[in-house]
PDB file of N, CA and C in Angstrom:
ATOM      1  N   MET A   1       0.632  -1.237  -0.122  1.00  0.00           N
ATOM      2  CA  MET A   1      -0.246  -0.025   0.021  1.00  0.00           C
ATOM      3  C   MET A   1       0.722   1.151  -0.074  1.00  0.00           C
ATOM      4  N   GLU A   2       0.660   1.978  -0.773  1.00  0.00           N
ATOM      5  CA  GLU A   2       1.461   3.431  -1.129  1.00  0.00           C
ATOM      6  C   GLU A   2       0.655   4.444  -0.419  1.00  0.00           C
ATOM      7  N   PHE A   3       1.713   5.173   0.356  1.00  0.00           N
ATOM      8  CA  PHE A   3       1.238   6.537   1.234  1.00  0.00           C
ATOM      9  C   PHE A   3       1.655   7.742   0.606  1.00  0.00           C
ATOM     10  N   SER A   4       0.829   8.699   0.304  1.00  0.00           N
ATOM     11  CA  SER A   4       1.310   9.876   0.100  1.00  0.00           C
ATOM     12  C   SER A   4       1.377  11.047   1.065  1.00  0.00           C
ATOM     13  N   VAL A   5       2.616  11.806   1.184  1.00  0.00           N
ATOM     14  CA  VAL A   5       2.647  12.803   2.273  1.00  0.00           C
ATOM     15  C   VAL A   5       2.749  14.279   1.658  1.00  0.00           C
ATOM     16  N   ASP A   6       2.432  14.144   0.158  1.00  0.00           N
ATOM     17  CA  ASP A   6       2.565  15.625  -0.367  1.00  0.00           C
ATOM     18  C   ASP A   6       1.601  16.504   0.119  1.00  0.00           C
ATOM     19  N   SER A   7       0.512  16.303   0.911  1.00  0.00           N
ATOM     20  CA  SER A   7      -0.213  17.202   1.633  1.00  0.00           C
ATOM     21  C   SER A   7       0.175  17.998   2.786  1.00  0.00           C
ATOM     22  N   LEU A   8       1.384  17.374   3.179  1.00  0.00           N
ATOM     23  CA  LEU A   8       1.730  17.910   4.621  1.00  0.00           C
ATOM     24  C   LEU A   8       2.444  19.398   4.447  1.00  0.00           C
ATOM     25  N   GLU A   9       2.114  20.123   5.465  1.00  0.00           N
ATOM     26  CA  GLU A   9       2.449  21.592   5.153  1.00  0.00           C
ATOM     27  C   GLU A   9       4.070  21.776   5.795  1.00  0.00           C
ATOM     28  N   THR A  10       4.246  20.821   6.953  1.00  0.00           N
ATOM     29  CA  THR A  10       5.709  21.179   7.254  1.00  0.00           C
ATOM     30  C   THR A  10       6.601  19.872   6.903  1.00  0.00           C
ATOM     31  N   ALA A  11       8.009  20.071   7.514  1.00  0.00           N
ATOM     32  CA  ALA A  11       9.133  18.910   7.152  1.00  0.00           C
ATOM     33  C   ALA A  11       8.928  18.061   7.905  1.00  0.00           C
ATOM     34  N   ALA A  12       8.292  18.071   9.346  1.00  0.00           N
ATOM     35  CA  ALA A  12       8.403  16.841  10.168  1.00  0.00           C
ATOM     36  C   ALA A  12       6.725  16.360  10.165  1.00  0.00           C
ATOM     37  N   MET A  13       6.748  15.253  10.278  1.00  0.00           N
ATOM     38  CA  MET A  13       5.454  14.628  10.055  1.00  0.00           C
ATOM     39  C   MET A  13       4.961  14.433  11.691  1.00  0.00           C
ATOM     40  N   THR A  14       3.993  14.764  12.242  1.00  0.00           N
ATOM     41  CA  THR A  14       3.224  14.770  13.528  1.00  0.00           C
ATOM     42  C   THR A  14       2.420  13.448  13.563  1.00  0.00           C
ATOM     43  N   LYS A  15       2.112  12.896  15.045  1.00  0.00           N
ATOM     44  CA  LYS A  15       1.574  11.879  15.191  1.00  0.00           C
ATOM     45  C   LYS A  15      -0.255  12.015  14.641  1.00  0.00           C
ATOM     46  N   ALA A  16      -0.622  13.195  14.704  1.00  0.00           N
ATOM     47  CA  ALA A  16      -1.903  13.560  14.269  1.00  0.00           C
ATOM     48  C   ALA A  16      -1.888  13.506  12.711  1.00  0.00           C
ATOM     49  N   GLN A  17      -0.851  14.163  12.262  1.00  0.00           N
ATOM     50  CA  GLN A  17      -0.801  13.642  10.524  1.00  0.00           C
ATOM     51  C   GLN A  17      -0.825  12.383  10.093  1.00  0.00           C
ATOM     52  N   LEU A  18       0.067  11.371  10.973  1.00  0.00           N
ATOM     53  CA  LEU A  18      -0.178   9.999  10.617  1.00  0.00           C
ATOM     54  C   LEU A  18      -1.415   9.556  10.834  1.00  0.00           C
ATOM     55  N   ALA A  19      -2.313  10.012  11.783  1.00  0.00           N
ATOM     56  CA  ALA A  19      -3.716   9.278  12.049  1.00  0.00           C
ATOM     57  C   ALA A  19      -4.409   9.695  11.131  1.00  0.00           C
ATOM     58  N   ASP A  20      -4.024  11.087  10.451  1.00  0.00           N
ATOM     59  CA  ASP A  20      -5.230  11.487   9.163  1.00  0.00           C
ATOM     60  C   ASP A  20      -4.748  10.588   8.176  1.00  0.00           C
ATOM     61  N   LEU A  21      -3.506  10.105   7.917  1.00  0.00           N
ATOM     62  CA  LEU A  21      -3.258   9.603   6.705  1.00  0.00           C
ATOM     63  C   LEU A  21      -4.050   8.227   6.692  1.00  0.00           C
ATOM     64  N   LEU A  22      -4.218   7.551   7.979  1.00  0.00           N
ATOM     65  CA  LEU A  22      -4.440   6.270   8.184  1.00  0.00           C
ATOM     66  C   LEU A  22      -6.078   6.443   7.874  1.00  0.00           C
ATOM     67  N   PHE A  23      -6.922   7.571   8.351  1.00  0.00           N
ATOM     68  CA  PHE A  23      -7.995   8.121   8.091  1.00  0.00           C
ATOM     69  C   PHE A  23      -8.622   7.892   6.640  1.00  0.00           C
ATOM     70  N   GLU A  24      -7.619   8.826   6.124  1.00  0.00           N
ATOM     71  CA  GLU A  24      -7.664   9.091   4.678  1.00  0.00           C
ATOM     72  C   GLU A  24      -7.478   8.047   3.695  1.00  0.00           C
ATOM     73  N   GLN A  25      -6.655   7.340   3.782  1.00  0.00           N
ATOM     74  CA  GLN A  25      -6.084   6.033   2.862  1.00  0.00           C
ATOM     75  C   GLN A  25      -6.494   4.699   3.111  1.00  0.00           C
ATOM     76  N   ILE A  26      -6.669   4.436   4.385  1.00  0.00           N
ATOM     77  CA  ILE A  26      -7.039   3.257   4.745  1.00  0.00           C
ATOM     78  C   ILE A  26      -8.550   2.943   5.201  1.00  0.00           C
ATOM     79  N   GLY A  27      -9.011   4.128   5.637  1.00  0.00           N
ATOM     80  CA  GLY A  27     -10.683   4.346   5.838  1.00  0.00           C
ATOM     81  C   GLY A  27     -11.162   4.076   7.500  1.00  0.00           C
ATOM     82  N   LEU A  28     -10.023   3.766   8.365  1.00  0.00           N
ATOM     83  CA  LEU A  28     -10.216   3.885   9.771  1.00  0.00           C
ATOM     84  C   LEU A  28     -10.841   5.259  10.179  1.00  0.00           C
ATOM     85  N   ASN A  29     -11.700   5.110  11.174  1.00  0.00           N
ATOM     86  CA  ASN A  29     -12.315   6.426  11.531  1.00  0.00           C
ATOM     87  C   ASN A  29     -11.255   7.174  12.304  1.00  0.00           C
ATOM     88  N   LYS A  30     -11.324   8.336  12.584  1.00  0.00           N
ATOM     89  CA  LYS A  30     -10.325   9.339  13.273  1.00  0.00           C
ATOM     90  C   LYS A  30      -9.842   8.869  14.613  1.00  0.00           C
ATOM     91  N   ARG A  31     -11.138   8.120  15.185  1.00  0.00           N
ATOM     92  CA  ARG A  31     -10.754   8.019  16.811  1.00  0.00           C
ATOM     93  C   ARG A  31      -9.845   6.657  16.630  1.00  0.00           C
ATOM     94  N   GLU A  32      -9.971   5.576  15.804  1.00  0.00           N
ATOM     95  CA  GLU A  32      -9.442   4.543  15.285  1.00  0.00           C
ATOM     96  C   GLU A  32      -7.871   4.648  14.929  1.00  0.00           C
ATOM     97  N   SER A  33      -7.683   5.424  14.217  1.00  0.00           N
ATOM     98  CA  SER A  33      -6.553   6.118  13.598  1.00  0.00           C
ATOM     99  C   SER A  33      -5.694   6.639  14.630  1.00  0.00           C
ATOM    100  N   LYS A  34      -6.061   7.501  15.728  1.00  0.00           N
ATOM    101  CA  LYS A  34      -5.297   8.064  16.587  1.00  0.00           C
ATOM    102  C   LYS A  34      -4.946   7.003  17.635  1.00  0.00           C
ATOM    103  N   ASP A  35      -5.958   6.041  18.077  1.00  0.00           N
ATOM    104  CA  ASP A  35      -5.541   4.894  18.968  1.00  0.00           C
ATOM    105  C   ASP A  35      -4.548   4.119  18.521  1.00  0.00           C
ATOM    106  N   MET A  36      -4.683   3.823  17.163  1.00  0.00           N
ATOM    107  CA  MET A  36      -3.498   2.920  16.515  1.00  0.00           C
ATOM    108  C   MET A  36      -2.145   3.490  16.758  1.00  0.00           C
ATOM    109  N   ILE A  37      -2.130   4.782  16.287  1.00  0.00           N
ATOM    110  CA  ILE A  37      -0.846   5.588  16.218  1.00  0.00           C
ATOM    111  C   ILE A  37      -0.214   5.530  17.641  1.00  0.00           C
ATOM    112  N   ASP A  38      -1.292   6.045  18.700  1.00  0.00           N
ATOM    113  CA  ASP A  38      -0.700   5.921  19.864  1.00  0.00           C
ATOM    114  C   ASP A  38      -0.052   4.610  20.469  1.00  0.00           C
ATOM    115  N   ALA A  39      -0.976   3.852  20.036  1.00  0.00           N
ATOM    116  CA  ALA A  39      -0.672   2.261  20.553  1.00  0.00           C
ATOM    117  C   ALA A  39       0.603   1.925  19.992  1.00  0.00           C
ATOM    118  N   PHE A  40       0.988   2.089  18.813  1.00  0.00           N
ATOM    119  CA  PHE A  40       2.292   1.662  18.078  1.00  0.00           C
ATOM    120  C   PHE A  40       3.385   2.408  18.810  1.00  0.00           C
ATOM    121  N   PHE A  41       3.314   3.715  19.139  1.00  0.00           N
ATOM    122  CA  PHE A  41       4.448   4.314  19.742  1.00  0.00           C
ATOM    123  C   PHE A  41       4.647   4.067  21.240  1.00  0.00           C
ATOM    124  N   ASP A  42       3.321   3.775  21.925  1.00  0.00           N
ATOM    125  CA  ASP A  42       3.717   3.319  23.059  1.00  0.00           C
ATOM    126  C   ASP A  42       4.147   1.984  23.248  1.00  0.00           C
ATOM    127  N   LEU A  43       4.029   1.093  22.354  1.00  0.00           N
ATOM    128  CA  LEU A  43       4.722  -0.104  22.400  1.00  0.00           C
ATOM    129  C   LEU A  43       6.188   0.100  21.770  1.00  0.00           C
ATOM    130  N   VAL A  44       6.534   0.762  21.195  1.00  0.00           N
ATOM    131  CA  VAL A  44       8.106   0.974  20.982  1.00  0.00           C
ATOM    132  C   VAL A  44       8.719   1.697  22.095  1.00  0.00           C
ATOM    133  N   ALA A  45       7.881   2.507  22.635  1.00  0.00           N
ATOM    134  CA  ALA A  45       8.655   3.303  23.663  1.00  0.00           C
ATOM    135  C   ALA A  45       8.772   2.333  24.841  1.00  0.00           C
ATOM    136  N   GLU A  46       7.628   1.376  25.274  1.00  0.00           N
ATOM    137  CA  GLU A  46       7.765   0.397  26.174  1.00  0.00           C
ATOM    138  C   GLU A  46       8.840  -0.236  26.152  1.00  0.00           C
ATOM    139  N   ASN A  47       9.109  -0.779  24.965  1.00  0.00           N
ATOM    140  CA  ASN A  47      10.222  -1.964  24.673  1.00  0.00           C
ATOM    141  C   ASN A  47      11.451  -1.210  24.754  1.00  0.00           C
ATOM    142  N   LEU A  48      11.591   0.048  24.359  1.00  0.00           N
ATOM    143  CA  LEU A  48      12.876   0.636  24.742  1.00  0.00           C
ATOM    144  C   LEU A  48      13.420   0.949  26.064  1.00  0.00           C
ATOM    145  N   VAL A  49      12.337   1.403  26.656  1.00  0.00           N
ATOM    146  CA  VAL A  49      12.356   1.663  28.187  1.00  0.00           C
ATOM    147  C   VAL A  49      13.040   0.195  28.811  1.00  0.00           C
ATOM    148  N   GLU A  50      12.507  -0.604  28.478  1.00  0.00           N
ATOM    149  CA  GLU A  50      12.754  -1.948  29.137  1.00  0.00           C
ATOM    150  C   GLU A  50      14.113  -2.395  28.652  1.00  0.00           C
ATOM    151  N   GLY A  51      14.762  -1.916  27.766  1.00  0.00           N
ATOM    152  CA  GLY A  51      16.185  -2.314  26.936  1.00  0.00           C
ATOM    153  C   GLY A  51      16.089  -3.081  25.992  1.00  0.00           C
ATOM    154  N   SER A  52      14.789  -3.297  25.268  1.00  0.00           N
ATOM    155  CA  SER A  52      14.808  -4.097  24.287  1.00  0.00           C
ATOM    156  C   SER A  52      14.825  -3.086  23.086  1.00  0.00           C
ATOM    157  N   ASP A  53      15.816  -3.777  21.861  1.00  0.00           N
ATOM    158  CA  ASP A  53      15.918  -3.285  20.436  1.00  0.00           C
ATOM    159  C   ASP A  53      14.315  -3.296  20.018  1.00  0.00           C
ATOM    160  N   VAL A  54      14.167  -2.209  18.888  1.00  0.00           N
ATOM    161  CA  VAL A  54      12.901  -2.329  18.156  1.00  0.00           C
ATOM    162  C   VAL A  54      13.199  -2.271  16.965  1.00  0.00           C
ATOM    163  N   LYS A  55      13.259  -3.175  16.240  1.00  0.00           N
ATOM    164  CA  LYS A  55      13.461  -3.748  14.842  1.00  0.00           C
ATOM    165  C   LYS A  55      12.261  -3.558  14.060  1.00  0.00           C
ATOM    166  N   ILE A  56      12.372  -2.673  12.951  1.00  0.00           N
ATOM    167  CA  ILE A  56      11.065  -2.584  11.983  1.00  0.00           C
ATOM    168  C   ILE A  56      11.519  -2.908  10.591  1.00  0.00           C
ATOM    169  N   SER A  57      11.004  -3.801  10.156  1.00  0.00           N
ATOM    170  CA  SER A  57      11.908  -4.556   8.785  1.00  0.00           C
ATOM    171  C   SER A  57      11.582  -3.388   7.581  1.00  0.00           C
ATOM    172  N   GLY A  58      12.736  -3.062   7.034  1.00  0.00           N
ATOM    173  CA  GLY A  58      12.547  -2.150   5.718  1.00  0.00           C
ATOM    174  C   GLY A  58      12.433  -0.684   6.151  1.00  0.00           C
ATOM    175  N   PHE A  59      12.666  -0.434   7.669  1.00  0.00           N
ATOM    176  CA  PHE A  59      12.730   0.710   8.057  1.00  0.00           C
ATOM    177  C   PHE A  59      14.185   1.067   8.690  1.00  0.00           C
ATOM    178  N   GLY A  60      14.360   0.233   9.939  1.00  0.00           N
ATOM    179  CA  GLY A  60      15.367   0.389  10.635  1.00  0.00           C
ATOM    180  C   GLY A  60      15.345  -0.148  12.093  1.00  0.00           C
ATOM    181  N   ASN A  61      16.295   0.377  12.841  1.00  0.00           N
ATOM    182  CA  ASN A  61      16.351  -0.434  14.391  1.00  0.00           C
ATOM    183  C   ASN A  61      16.642   0.957  15.043  1.00  0.00           C
ATOM    184  N   PHE A  62      15.719   0.822  16.163  1.00  0.00           N
ATOM    185  CA  PHE A  62      16.124   1.924  17.453  1.00  0.00           C
ATOM    186  C   PHE A  62      16.475   1.080  18.578  1.00  0.00           C
ATOM    187  N   GLN A  63      17.844   1.400  19.172  1.00  0.00           N
ATOM    188  CA  GLN A  63      18.394   0.857  20.278  1.00  0.00           C
ATOM    189  C   GLN A  63      18.781   1.808  21.161  1.00  0.00           C
ATOM    190  N   ILE A  64      18.788   1.238  22.530  1.00  0.00           N
ATOM    191  CA  ILE A  64      19.335   2.037  23.663  1.00  0.00           C
ATOM    192  C   ILE A  64      20.683   1.669  23.671  1.00  0.00           C
ATOM    193  N   ARG A  65      21.305   3.020  23.973  1.00  0.00           N
ATOM    194  CA  ARG A  65      22.930   2.975  24.457  1.00  0.00           C
ATOM    195  C   ARG A  65      23.252   3.488  25.646  1.00  0.00           C
ATOM    196  N   THR A  66      23.925   3.120  26.139  1.00  0.00           N
ATOM    197  CA  THR A  66      24.400   3.636  27.549  1.00  0.00           C
ATOM    198  C   THR A  66      25.655   4.462  27.174  1.00  0.00           C
ATOM    199  N   LYS A  67      25.382   5.823  27.756  1.00  0.00           N
ATOM    200  CA  LYS A  67      26.626   6.808  27.621  1.00  0.00           C
ATOM    201  C   LYS A  67      27.488   6.679  29.051  1.00  0.00           C
ATOM    202  N   ALA A  68      28.554   6.814  28.855  1.00  0.00           N
ATOM    203  CA  ALA A  68      29.479   6.833  30.382  1.00  0.00           C
ATOM    204  C   ALA A  68      29.567   8.548  30.841  1.00  0.00           C
ATOM    205  N   SER A  69      29.369   8.542  32.034  1.00  0.00           N
ATOM    206  CA  SER A  69      29.576  10.055  32.403  1.00  0.00           C
ATOM    207  C   SER A  69      30.995  10.484  31.908  1.00  0.00           C
ATOM    208  N   ARG A  70      31.188  12.108  31.676  1.00  0.00           N
ATOM    209  CA  ARG A  70      32.301  12.435  30.837  1.00  0.00           C
ATOM    210  C   ARG A  70      32.340  13.796  31.377  1.00  0.00           C
ATOM    211  N   PRO A  71      33.556  14.654  31.174  1.00  0.00           N
ATOM    212  CA  PRO A  71      33.882  15.968  31.526  1.00  0.00           C
ATOM    213  C   PRO A  71      33.044  16.582  30.386  1.00  0.00           C
ATOM    214  N   GLY A  72      32.718  17.815  30.737  1.00  0.00           N
ATOM    215  CA  GLY A  72      32.176  18.906  29.655  1.00  0.00           C
ATOM    216  C   GLY A  72      32.521  19.934  29.777  1.00  0.00           C
ATOM    217  N   ARG A  73      31.776  20.895  29.209  1.00  0.00           N
ATOM    218  CA  ARG A  73      32.391  22.421  29.373  1.00  0.00           C
ATOM    219  C   ARG A  73      30.968  23.256  28.887  1.00  0.00           C
ATOM    220  N   ASN A  74      31.087  24.308  29.560  1.00  0.00           N
ATOM    221  CA  ASN A  74      29.716  25.346  29.460  1.00  0.00           C
ATOM    222  C   ASN A  74      30.469  26.152  28.323  1.00  0.00           C
ATOM    223  N   PRO A  75      29.835  26.250  26.982  1.00  0.00           N
ATOM    224  CA  PRO A  75      30.429  27.120  25.917  1.00  0.00           C
ATOM    225  C   PRO A  75      30.508  28.498  26.609  1.00  0.00           C
ATOM    226  N   ARG A  76      29.377  29.063  27.075  1.00  0.00           N
ATOM    227  CA  ARG A  76      29.588  30.623  27.193  1.00  0.00           C
ATOM    228  C   ARG A  76      30.700  31.125  28.236  1.00  0.00           C
ATOM    229  N   THR A  77      30.798  30.019  29.380  1.00  0.00           N
ATOM    230  CA  THR A  77      31.938  30.495  30.447  1.00  0.00           C
ATOM    231  C   THR A  77      33.020  29.756  30.372  1.00  0.00           C
ATOM    232  N   GLY A  78      32.994  28.624  29.568  1.00  0.00           N
ATOM    233  CA  GLY A  78      34.164  27.948  29.714  1.00  0.00           C
ATOM    234  C   GLY A  78      34.665  26.949  30.752  1.00  0.00           C
ATOM    235  N   GLU A  79      33.566  27.127  31.713  1.00  0.00           N
ATOM    236  CA  GLU A  79      33.401  26.354  32.837  1.00  0.00           C
ATOM    237  C   GLU A  79      33.176  24.842  32.678  1.00  0.00           C
ATOM    238  N   SER A  80      34.224  24.059  33.475  1.00  0.00           N
ATOM    239  CA  SER A  80      33.979  22.493  33.253  1.00  0.00           C
ATOM    240  C   SER A  80      32.849  22.256  33.979  1.00  0.00           C
ATOM    241  N   ILE A  81      31.878  21.360  33.609  1.00  0.00           N
ATOM    242  CA  ILE A  81      30.929  20.648  34.184  1.00  0.00           C
ATOM    243  C   ILE A  81      30.817  19.310  34.096  1.00  0.00           C
ATOM    244  N   PRO A  82      30.307  18.534  34.880  1.00  0.00           N
ATOM    245  CA  PRO A  82      30.486  17.035  34.707  1.00  0.00           C
ATOM    246  C   PRO A  82      29.122  16.479  33.843  1.00  0.00           C
ATOM    247  N   ILE A  83      29.123  15.732  33.121  1.00  0.00           N
ATOM    248  CA  ILE A  83      27.936  15.143  31.911  1.00  0.00           C
ATOM    249  C   ILE A  83      27.654  13.882  32.636  1.00  0.00           C
ATOM    250  N   GLU A  84      26.571  13.536  33.346  1.00  0.00           N
ATOM    251  CA  GLU A  84      26.243  12.348  33.860  1.00  0.00           C
ATOM    252  C   GLU A  84      25.862  10.935  33.021  1.00  0.00           C
ATOM    253  N   ALA A  85      26.238  10.148  33.447  1.00  0.00           N
ATOM    254  CA  ALA A  85      25.890   8.999  32.547  1.00  0.00           C
ATOM    255  C   ALA A  85      24.478   8.903  32.164  1.00  0.00           C
ATOM    256  N   ARG A  86      24.206   8.321  31.218  1.00  0.00           N
ATOM    257  CA  ARG A  86      22.455   8.387  30.584  1.00  0.00           C
ATOM    258  C   ARG A  86      22.491   7.543  29.858  1.00  0.00           C
ATOM    259  N   ARG A  87      20.947   7.117  29.448  1.00  0.00           N
ATOM    260  CA  ARG A  87      20.525   6.154  28.351  1.00  0.00           C
ATOM    261  C   ARG A  87      20.169   7.169  27.246  1.00  0.00           C
ATOM    262  N   VAL A  88      20.340   6.636  25.985  1.00  0.00           N
ATOM    263  CA  VAL A  88      20.022   7.407  24.669  1.00  0.00           C
ATOM    264  C   VAL A  88      19.542   6.562  23.911  1.00  0.00           C
ATOM    265  N   VAL A  89      18.672   6.923  22.771  1.00  0.00           N
ATOM    266  CA  VAL A  89      18.224   6.079  21.855  1.00  0.00           C
ATOM    267  C   VAL A  89      18.912   6.372  20.586  1.00  0.00           C
ATOM    268  N   THR A  90      19.033   5.211  19.977  1.00  0.00           N
ATOM    269  CA  THR A  90      19.525   5.587  18.541  1.00  0.00           C
ATOM    270  C   THR A  90      18.775   4.964  17.387  1.00  0.00           C
ATOM    271  N   PHE A  91      19.067   5.724  16.335  1.00  0.00           N
ATOM    272  CA  PHE A  91      17.935   4.777  15.069  1.00  0.00           C
ATOM    273  C   PHE A  91      19.067   4.747  13.999  1.00  0.00           C
ATOM    274  N   HIS A  92      19.236   3.341  13.500  1.00  0.00           N
ATOM    275  CA  HIS A  92      19.832   3.046  12.138  1.00  0.00           C
ATOM    276  C   HIS A  92      19.066   2.671  11.224  1.00  0.00           C
ATOM    277  N   ALA A  93      19.019   3.408  10.251  1.00  0.00           N
ATOM    278  CA  ALA A  93      17.908   3.225   8.840  1.00  0.00           C
ATOM    279  C   ALA A  93      18.554   1.971   8.371  1.00  0.00           C
ATOM    280  N   SER A  94      17.567   1.045   7.699  1.00  0.00           N
ATOM    281  CA  SER A  94      17.716  -0.081   7.286  1.00  0.00           C
ATOM    282  C   SER A  94      18.531   0.263   5.668  1.00  0.00           C
ATOM    283  N   HIS A  95      19.107  -0.778   5.155  1.00  0.00           N
ATOM    284  CA  HIS A  95      19.402  -0.656   3.590  1.00  0.00           C
ATOM    285  C   HIS A  95      18.484  -0.180   2.932  1.00  0.00           C
ATOM    286  N   LYS A  96      17.449  -0.728   2.921  1.00  0.00           N
ATOM    287  CA  LYS A  96      16.001  -0.339   1.907  1.00  0.00           C
ATOM    288  C   LYS A  96      15.868   0.928   2.025  1.00  0.00           C
ATOM    289  N   LEU A  97      15.617   1.453   3.353  1.00  0.00           N
ATOM    290  CA  LEU A  97      15.181   3.187   3.599  1.00  0.00           C
ATOM    291  C   LEU A  97      16.595   3.901   3.100  1.00  0.00           C
ATOM    292  N   LYS A  98      17.727   3.306   3.325  1.00  0.00           N
ATOM    293  CA  LYS A  98      18.838   4.182   2.883  1.00  0.00           C
ATOM    294  C   LYS A  98      18.774   4.293   1.064  1.00  0.00           C
ATOM    295  N   GLU A  99      18.405   3.442   0.635  1.00  0.00           N
ATOM    296  CA  GLU A  99      18.571   3.198  -0.761  1.00  0.00           C
ATOM    297  C   GLU A  99      17.321   4.356  -1.496  1.00  0.00           C
ATOM    298  N   GLN A 100      16.244   3.912  -0.769  1.00  0.00           N
ATOM    299  CA  GLN A 100      14.795   5.054  -1.111  1.00  0.00           C
ATOM    300  C   GLN A 100      15.036   6.347  -0.873  1.00  0.00           C
ATOM    301  N   ILE A 101      15.799   6.633   0.268  1.00  0.00           N
ATOM    302  CA  ILE A 101      16.058   8.184   0.557  1.00  0.00           C
ATOM    303  C   ILE A 101      17.405   8.474  -0.611  1.00  0.00           C
ATOM    304  N   GLN A 102      18.217   7.808  -1.237  1.00  0.00           N
ATOM    305  CA  GLN A 102      19.144   8.024  -2.032  1.00  0.00           C
ATOM    306  C   GLN A 102      18.546   8.289  -3.508  1.00  0.00           C
ATOM    307  N   GLU A 103      17.900   7.465  -3.668  1.00  0.00           N
ATOM    308  CA  GLU A 103      16.898   7.565  -5.022  1.00  0.00           C
ATOM    309  C   GLU A 103      16.086   8.695  -5.333  1.00  0.00           C
ATOM    310  N   GLU A 104      15.461   9.103  -3.997  1.00  0.00           N
ATOM    311  CA  GLU A 104      14.762  10.288  -3.791  1.00  0.00           C
ATOM    312  C   GLU A 104      15.149  11.738  -3.978  1.00  0.00           C
ATOM    313  N   LYS A 105      16.629  11.766  -3.693  1.00  0.00           N
ATOM    314  CA  LYS A 105      17.388  12.793  -3.448  1.00  0.00           C
ATOM    315  C   LYS A 105      17.800  13.178  -5.085  1.00  0.00           C
ATOM    316  N   ILE A 106      18.161  11.809  -5.759  1.00  0.00           N
ATOM    317  CA  ILE A 106      18.699  11.883  -7.078  1.00  0.00           C
ATOM    318  C   ILE A 106      17.704  12.328  -8.125  1.00  0.00           C
ATOM    319  N   SER A 107      16.309  11.755  -7.966  1.00  0.00           N
ATOM    320  CA  SER A 107      15.263  12.103  -8.914  1.00  0.00           C
ATOM    321  C   SER A 107      14.989  13.441  -8.819  1.00  0.00           C
TER     322      SER A 107
END
């Protein structure tokens, strides 16, 4: 199934716009569309919080990385400040997505 995003006004796609696309192109009602988008992102977030990777075939992988604490610097004052250890989400696009992006850029 092909999705068109030509009607979007901004460069960033919002959850509301995704729900509208489900409504327009698949025929779900607006409430079902919103609930489906919310449920999808809740599941992704839940798995990431638990430390599990999320792999979406043909799209990419979301992974949790643990970054060690390190020294940092306030760029305005030059003052040295510690940056605490933290967990971050990384995304790596699949080869299929990378190819699609390159094809669109060239066309």
